[in-house]
């Protein structure tokens, strides 16, 4: 099987860390505008920030090395490595570009530091459906319900992993990597 896997909030606990850093940055550089909608997905929807504020924030995060400190979701690396050992093709598919030069290296270093086994990474994938179709992905694992739903009508099957905000989706939400591993091992 060819398995596409998102990174942020699918294998990495990105949102929790970014919110912590964003609140500090917001207070220091934007005089504490605070939350607009704590449950939003995009930072421009979550905070009273412009796109330029978001760009500056991600540059700050990159410069401070904060992406390197993000934690792995429980057992994500163990179960992905088991899927790899079974002979599955593992391809990370991410929107990440992390503020230009060096961002790809930061991501690869993070994956290597946490001993993820994979075949390739595709960065700047703002159309994961197109990426999955081009890469002939059988399953895409992501925490974004809209991305998983956008796979409807394609040959790509979506697996929605819990991120704490998508439990009310009108589809099955897998609670953890063990549950996903058990499902895929029986496919």
C-alpha atoms as a PDB file:
ATOM      1  CA  UNK A   1       0.000   0.000   0.000  1.00  0.00           C
ATOM      2  CA  UNK A   2       1.021   3.584  -0.607  1.00  0.00           C
ATOM      3  CA  UNK A   3       0.216   5.587   2.518  1.00  0.00           C
ATOM      4  CA  UNK A   4       0.246   9.382   2.621  1.00  0.00           C
ATOM      5  CA  UNK A   5       0.596  10.922   6.048  1.00  0.00           C
ATOM      6  CA  UNK A   6       0.160  14.533   7.131  1.00  0.00           C
ATOM      7  CA  UNK A   7       2.624  15.835   9.731  1.00  0.00           C
ATOM      8  CA  UNK A   8       1.060  18.607  11.820  1.00  0.00           C
ATOM      9  CA  UNK A   9      -1.400  17.250  14.383  1.00  0.00           C
ATOM     10  CA  UNK A  10      -1.291  13.874  12.666  1.00  0.00           C
ATOM     11  CA  UNK A  11       2.157  12.729  13.833  1.00  0.00           C
ATOM     12  CA  UNK A  12       3.299  15.916  15.615  1.00  0.00           C
ATOM     13  CA  UNK A  13       1.527  17.741  18.437  1.00  0.00           C
ATOM     14  CA  UNK A  14       1.916  21.006  16.535  1.00  0.00           C
ATOM     15  CA  UNK A  15      -1.251  22.898  17.406  1.00  0.00           C
ATOM     16  CA  UNK A  16      -0.707  22.747  21.176  1.00  0.00           C
ATOM     17  CA  UNK A  17       2.865  23.997  20.847  1.00  0.00           C
ATOM     18  CA  UNK A  18       2.022  26.702  18.313  1.00  0.00           C
ATOM     19  CA  UNK A  19      -0.799  28.086  20.447  1.00  0.00           C
ATOM     20  CA  UNK A  20       1.556  28.336  23.419  1.00  0.00           C
ATOM     21  CA  UNK A  21       4.172  30.147  21.307  1.00  0.00           C
ATOM     22  CA  UNK A  22       1.524  32.255  19.546  1.00  0.00           C
ATOM     23  CA  UNK A  23       0.101  33.587  22.801  1.00  0.00           C
ATOM     24  CA  UNK A  24       3.583  34.696  23.910  1.00  0.00           C
ATOM     25  CA  UNK A  25       4.332  36.233  20.511  1.00  0.00           C
ATOM     26  CA  UNK A  26       0.932  37.939  20.397  1.00  0.00           C
ATOM     27  CA  UNK A  27       1.529  39.511  23.804  1.00  0.00           C
ATOM     28  CA  UNK A  28       5.085  40.612  22.999  1.00  0.00           C
ATOM     29  CA  UNK A  29       4.686  41.884  19.426  1.00  0.00           C
ATOM     30  CA  UNK A  30       0.978  42.632  18.974  1.00  0.00           C
ATOM     31  CA  UNK A  31       0.204  43.938  22.457  1.00  0.00           C
ATOM     32  CA  UNK A  32      -1.946  40.955  23.399  1.00  0.00           C
ATOM     33  CA  UNK A  33      -4.815  41.046  20.938  1.00  0.00           C
ATOM     34  CA  UNK A  34      -5.655  37.497  22.067  1.00  0.00           C
ATOM     35  CA  UNK A  35      -7.985  34.904  20.630  1.00  0.00           C
ATOM     36  CA  UNK A  36     -10.661  35.640  18.066  1.00  0.00           C
ATOM     37  CA  UNK A  37     -11.764  31.978  17.897  1.00  0.00           C
ATOM     38  CA  UNK A  38      -9.769  29.456  19.971  1.00  0.00           C
ATOM     39  CA  UNK A  39     -11.228  26.535  18.015  1.00  0.00           C
ATOM     40  CA  UNK A  40     -10.325  27.832  14.553  1.00  0.00           C
ATOM     41  CA  UNK A  41      -7.848  25.935  12.390  1.00  0.00           C
ATOM     42  CA  UNK A  42      -5.961  28.825  10.762  1.00  0.00           C
ATOM     43  CA  UNK A  43      -4.041  31.344  12.855  1.00  0.00           C
ATOM     44  CA  UNK A  44      -5.699  34.253  11.009  1.00  0.00           C
ATOM     45  CA  UNK A  45      -9.051  32.870  12.169  1.00  0.00           C
ATOM     46  CA  UNK A  46      -7.816  31.979  15.648  1.00  0.00           C
ATOM     47  CA  UNK A  47      -6.150  35.326  16.440  1.00  0.00           C
ATOM     48  CA  UNK A  48      -6.697  38.915  15.369  1.00  0.00           C
ATOM     49  CA  UNK A  49      -3.750  38.560  13.004  1.00  0.00           C
ATOM     50  CA  UNK A  50      -3.117  39.495   9.421  1.00  0.00           C
ATOM     51  CA  UNK A  51      -1.397  37.189   6.950  1.00  0.00           C
ATOM     52  CA  UNK A  52       1.737  39.274   7.489  1.00  0.00           C
ATOM     53  CA  UNK A  53       1.508  38.682  11.250  1.00  0.00           C
ATOM     54  CA  UNK A  54       1.318  34.927  10.593  1.00  0.00           C
ATOM     55  CA  UNK A  55       4.368  35.082   8.312  1.00  0.00           C
ATOM     56  CA  UNK A  56       6.333  37.002  10.977  1.00  0.00           C
ATOM     57  CA  UNK A  57       5.206  34.583  13.678  1.00  0.00           C
ATOM     58  CA  UNK A  58       6.375  31.540  11.702  1.00  0.00           C
ATOM     59  CA  UNK A  59       9.706  33.251  11.039  1.00  0.00           C
ATOM     60  CA  UNK A  60       9.997  33.832  14.802  1.00  0.00           C
ATOM     61  CA  UNK A  61       9.164  30.177  15.499  1.00  0.00           C
ATOM     62  CA  UNK A  62      11.739  29.055  12.945  1.00  0.00           C
ATOM     63  CA  UNK A  63      14.439  31.448  14.196  1.00  0.00           C
ATOM     64  CA  UNK A  64      13.932  30.331  17.805  1.00  0.00           C
ATOM     65  CA  UNK A  65      14.114  26.638  16.833  1.00  0.00           C
ATOM     66  CA  UNK A  66      10.673  26.003  18.296  1.00  0.00           C
ATOM     67  CA  UNK A  67       9.640  23.505  15.593  1.00  0.00           C
ATOM     68  CA  UNK A  68      12.419  21.227  16.813  1.00  0.00           C
ATOM     69  CA  UNK A  69      10.759  21.077  20.246  1.00  0.00           C
ATOM     70  CA  UNK A  70       7.352  19.854  19.062  1.00  0.00           C
ATOM     71  CA  UNK A  71       6.422  16.475  20.537  1.00  0.00           C
ATOM     72  CA  UNK A  72       5.401  13.338  18.675  1.00  0.00           C
ATOM     73  CA  UNK A  73       1.810  12.137  18.998  1.00  0.00           C
ATOM     74  CA  UNK A  74       1.729   9.030  21.165  1.00  0.00           C
ATOM     75  CA  UNK A  75       3.326   6.068  19.410  1.00  0.00           C
ATOM     76  CA  UNK A  76       3.017   7.644  15.947  1.00  0.00           C
ATOM     77  CA  UNK A  77       6.617   6.813  15.082  1.00  0.00           C
ATOM     78  CA  UNK A  78       6.336   3.238  16.396  1.00  0.00           C
ATOM     79  CA  UNK A  79       3.221   2.388  14.377  1.00  0.00           C
ATOM     80  CA  UNK A  80       4.365   4.192  11.220  1.00  0.00           C
ATOM     81  CA  UNK A  81       7.637   2.271  11.426  1.00  0.00           C
ATOM     82  CA  UNK A  82       5.648  -0.956  11.746  1.00  0.00           C
ATOM     83  CA  UNK A  83       3.701  -0.067   8.595  1.00  0.00           C
ATOM     84  CA  UNK A  84       7.036   0.645   6.868  1.00  0.00           C
ATOM     85  CA  UNK A  85       8.432  -2.741   7.998  1.00  0.00           C
ATOM     86  CA  UNK A  86       5.344  -4.444   6.551  1.00  0.00           C
ATOM     87  CA  UNK A  87       6.439  -3.146   3.149  1.00  0.00           C
ATOM     88  CA  UNK A  88       4.084  -0.194   2.817  1.00  0.00           C
ATOM     89  CA  UNK A  89       5.337   2.927   1.046  1.00  0.00           C
ATOM     90  CA  UNK A  90       5.259   5.823   3.526  1.00  0.00           C
ATOM     91  CA  UNK A  91       5.064   9.328   2.063  1.00  0.00           C
ATOM     92  CA  UNK A  92       4.681  12.367   4.282  1.00  0.00           C
ATOM     93  CA  UNK A  93       2.487  14.979   2.579  1.00  0.00           C
ATOM     94  CA  UNK A  94       2.472  18.376   4.204  1.00  0.00           C
ATOM     95  CA  UNK A  95       1.516  21.975   3.582  1.00  0.00           C
ATOM     96  CA  UNK A  96       4.640  22.930   5.491  1.00  0.00           C
ATOM     97  CA  UNK A  97       7.236  25.169   4.047  1.00  0.00           C
ATOM     98  CA  UNK A  98       8.013  26.843   7.385  1.00  0.00           C
ATOM     99  CA  UNK A  99       8.947  30.294   6.183  1.00  0.00           C
ATOM    100  CA  UNK A 100      11.192  29.606   3.283  1.00  0.00           C
ATOM    101  CA  UNK A 101      14.788  28.387   3.203  1.00  0.00           C
ATOM    102  CA  UNK A 102      15.673  25.837   5.863  1.00  0.00           C
ATOM    103  CA  UNK A 103      12.108  24.790   6.618  1.00  0.00           C
ATOM    104  CA  UNK A 104      12.392  21.492   4.795  1.00  0.00           C
ATOM    105  CA  UNK A 105      15.598  20.673   6.659  1.00  0.00           C
ATOM    106  CA  UNK A 106      13.931  21.423  10.011  1.00  0.00           C
ATOM    107  CA  UNK A 107      11.128  18.992   9.170  1.00  0.00           C
ATOM    108  CA  UNK A 108      13.484  16.239   7.975  1.00  0.00           C
ATOM    109  CA  UNK A 109      15.654  16.666  11.082  1.00  0.00           C
ATOM    110  CA  UNK A 110      12.570  16.426  13.311  1.00  0.00           C
ATOM    111  CA  UNK A 111      11.395  13.237  11.582  1.00  0.00           C
ATOM    112  CA  UNK A 112      14.889  11.732  11.790  1.00  0.00           C
ATOM    113  CA  UNK A 113      15.334  12.786  15.434  1.00  0.00           C
ATOM    114  CA  UNK A 114      12.152  10.887  16.271  1.00  0.00           C
ATOM    115  CA  UNK A 115      13.253   7.924  14.139  1.00  0.00           C
ATOM    116  CA  UNK A 116      10.407   7.925  11.634  1.00  0.00           C
ATOM    117  CA  UNK A 117      10.958   5.568   8.704  1.00  0.00           C
ATOM    118  CA  UNK A 118       9.630   6.895   5.413  1.00  0.00           C
ATOM    119  CA  UNK A 119      10.297   6.870   1.701  1.00  0.00           C
ATOM    120  CA  UNK A 120       9.731  10.527   0.831  1.00  0.00           C
ATOM    121  CA  UNK A 121       8.277  13.878   1.903  1.00  0.00           C
ATOM    122  CA  UNK A 122       6.246  16.216  -0.266  1.00  0.00           C
ATOM    123  CA  UNK A 123       6.270  19.831   0.940  1.00  0.00           C
ATOM    124  CA  UNK A 124       3.990  22.754   0.017  1.00  0.00           C
ATOM    125  CA  UNK A 125       1.081  20.438  -0.780  1.00  0.00           C
ATOM    126  CA  UNK A 126      -1.814  22.859  -0.744  1.00  0.00           C
ATOM    127  CA  UNK A 127      -3.920  20.423  -2.764  1.00  0.00           C
ATOM    128  CA  UNK A 128      -3.502  17.124  -1.006  1.00  0.00           C
ATOM    129  CA  UNK A 129      -6.065  15.518  -3.305  1.00  0.00           C
ATOM    130  CA  UNK A 130      -3.920  16.305  -6.354  1.00  0.00           C
ATOM    131  CA  UNK A 131      -0.783  15.189  -4.543  1.00  0.00           C
ATOM    132  CA  UNK A 132      -2.408  11.908  -3.522  1.00  0.00           C
ATOM    133  CA  UNK A 133      -3.625  11.258  -7.053  1.00  0.00           C
ATOM    134  CA  UNK A 134      -0.217  12.102  -8.565  1.00  0.00           C
ATOM    135  CA  UNK A 135       1.545   9.845  -6.043  1.00  0.00           C
ATOM    136  CA  UNK A 136      -1.044   7.058  -6.426  1.00  0.00           C
ATOM    137  CA  UNK A 137      -1.742   7.079  -2.686  1.00  0.00           C
ATOM    138  CA  UNK A 138      -4.098   4.365  -1.426  1.00  0.00           C
ATOM    139  CA  UNK A 139      -4.741   5.909   2.010  1.00  0.00           C
ATOM    140  CA  UNK A 140      -4.235   9.449   3.306  1.00  0.00           C
ATOM    141  CA  UNK A 141      -4.045   9.914   7.074  1.00  0.00           C
ATOM    142  CA  UNK A 142      -4.795  13.488   8.154  1.00  0.00           C
ATOM    143  CA  UNK A 143      -6.420  15.351  11.045  1.00  0.00           C
ATOM    144  CA  UNK A 144      -8.239  17.851   8.794  1.00  0.00           C
ATOM    145  CA  UNK A 145     -11.802  16.702   8.145  1.00  0.00           C
ATOM    146  CA  UNK A 146     -12.106  18.973   5.094  1.00  0.00           C
ATOM    147  CA  UNK A 147      -9.083  17.373   3.470  1.00  0.00           C
ATOM    148  CA  UNK A 148     -10.359  13.867   4.211  1.00  0.00           C
ATOM    149  CA  UNK A 149     -13.816  14.775   2.870  1.00  0.00           C
ATOM    150  CA  UNK A 150     -12.277  16.236  -0.286  1.00  0.00           C
ATOM    151  CA  UNK A 151     -11.060  12.725  -1.149  1.00  0.00           C
ATOM    152  CA  UNK A 152     -14.675  11.620  -1.745  1.00  0.00           C
ATOM    153  CA  UNK A 153     -15.121  10.564  -5.355  1.00  0.00           C
ATOM    154  CA  UNK A 154     -11.451   9.574  -5.760  1.00  0.00           C
ATOM    155  CA  UNK A 155      -9.686   6.234  -5.387  1.00  0.00           C
ATOM    156  CA  UNK A 156      -7.886   7.551  -2.304  1.00  0.00           C
ATOM    157  CA  UNK A 157      -9.347   6.454   1.020  1.00  0.00           C
ATOM    158  CA  UNK A 158      -9.145   8.892   3.901  1.00  0.00           C
ATOM    159  CA  UNK A 159      -8.359   8.131   7.520  1.00  0.00           C
ATOM    160  CA  UNK A 160      -9.228  10.927   9.943  1.00  0.00           C
ATOM    161  CA  UNK A 161      -7.138  10.931  13.119  1.00  0.00           C
ATOM    162  CA  UNK A 162      -8.354  12.730  16.217  1.00  0.00           C
ATOM    163  CA  UNK A 163      -6.942  16.184  16.886  1.00  0.00           C
ATOM    164  CA  UNK A 164      -9.236  17.162  19.748  1.00  0.00           C
ATOM    165  CA  UNK A 165     -11.413  19.324  17.484  1.00  0.00           C
ATOM    166  CA  UNK A 166     -12.755  16.883  14.908  1.00  0.00           C
ATOM    167  CA  UNK A 167     -14.581  14.338  17.077  1.00  0.00           C
ATOM    168  CA  UNK A 168     -17.970  15.551  15.824  1.00  0.00           C
ATOM    169  CA  UNK A 169     -17.130  14.881  12.171  1.00  0.00           C
ATOM    170  CA  UNK A 170     -19.730  12.957  10.203  1.00  0.00           C
ATOM    171  CA  UNK A 171     -17.292  10.126   9.626  1.00  0.00           C
ATOM    172  CA  UNK A 172     -15.178   7.749  11.626  1.00  0.00           C
ATOM    173  CA  UNK A 173     -12.465   9.448  13.677  1.00  0.00           C
ATOM    174  CA  UNK A 174      -9.569   7.189  14.646  1.00  0.00           C
ATOM    175  CA  UNK A 175      -8.510   7.961  18.206  1.00  0.00           C
ATOM    176  CA  UNK A 176      -4.831   7.030  17.886  1.00  0.00           C
ATOM    177  CA  UNK A 177      -2.083   5.423  15.811  1.00  0.00           C
ATOM    178  CA  UNK A 178      -2.651   1.967  17.268  1.00  0.00           C
ATOM    179  CA  UNK A 179      -6.207   1.986  15.961  1.00  0.00           C
ATOM    180  CA  UNK A 180      -5.011   3.136  12.520  1.00  0.00           C
ATOM    181  CA  UNK A 181      -2.270   0.504  12.454  1.00  0.00           C
ATOM    182  CA  UNK A 182      -4.719  -2.275  13.303  1.00  0.00           C
ATOM    183  CA  UNK A 183      -7.111  -1.111  10.572  1.00  0.00           C
ATOM    184  CA  UNK A 184      -4.424  -0.852   7.891  1.00  0.00           C
ATOM    185  CA  UNK A 185      -2.829  -4.164   8.878  1.00  0.00           C
ATOM    186  CA  UNK A 186      -6.114  -5.868   8.049  1.00  0.00           C
ATOM    187  CA  UNK A 187      -6.523  -4.199   4.651  1.00  0.00           C
END
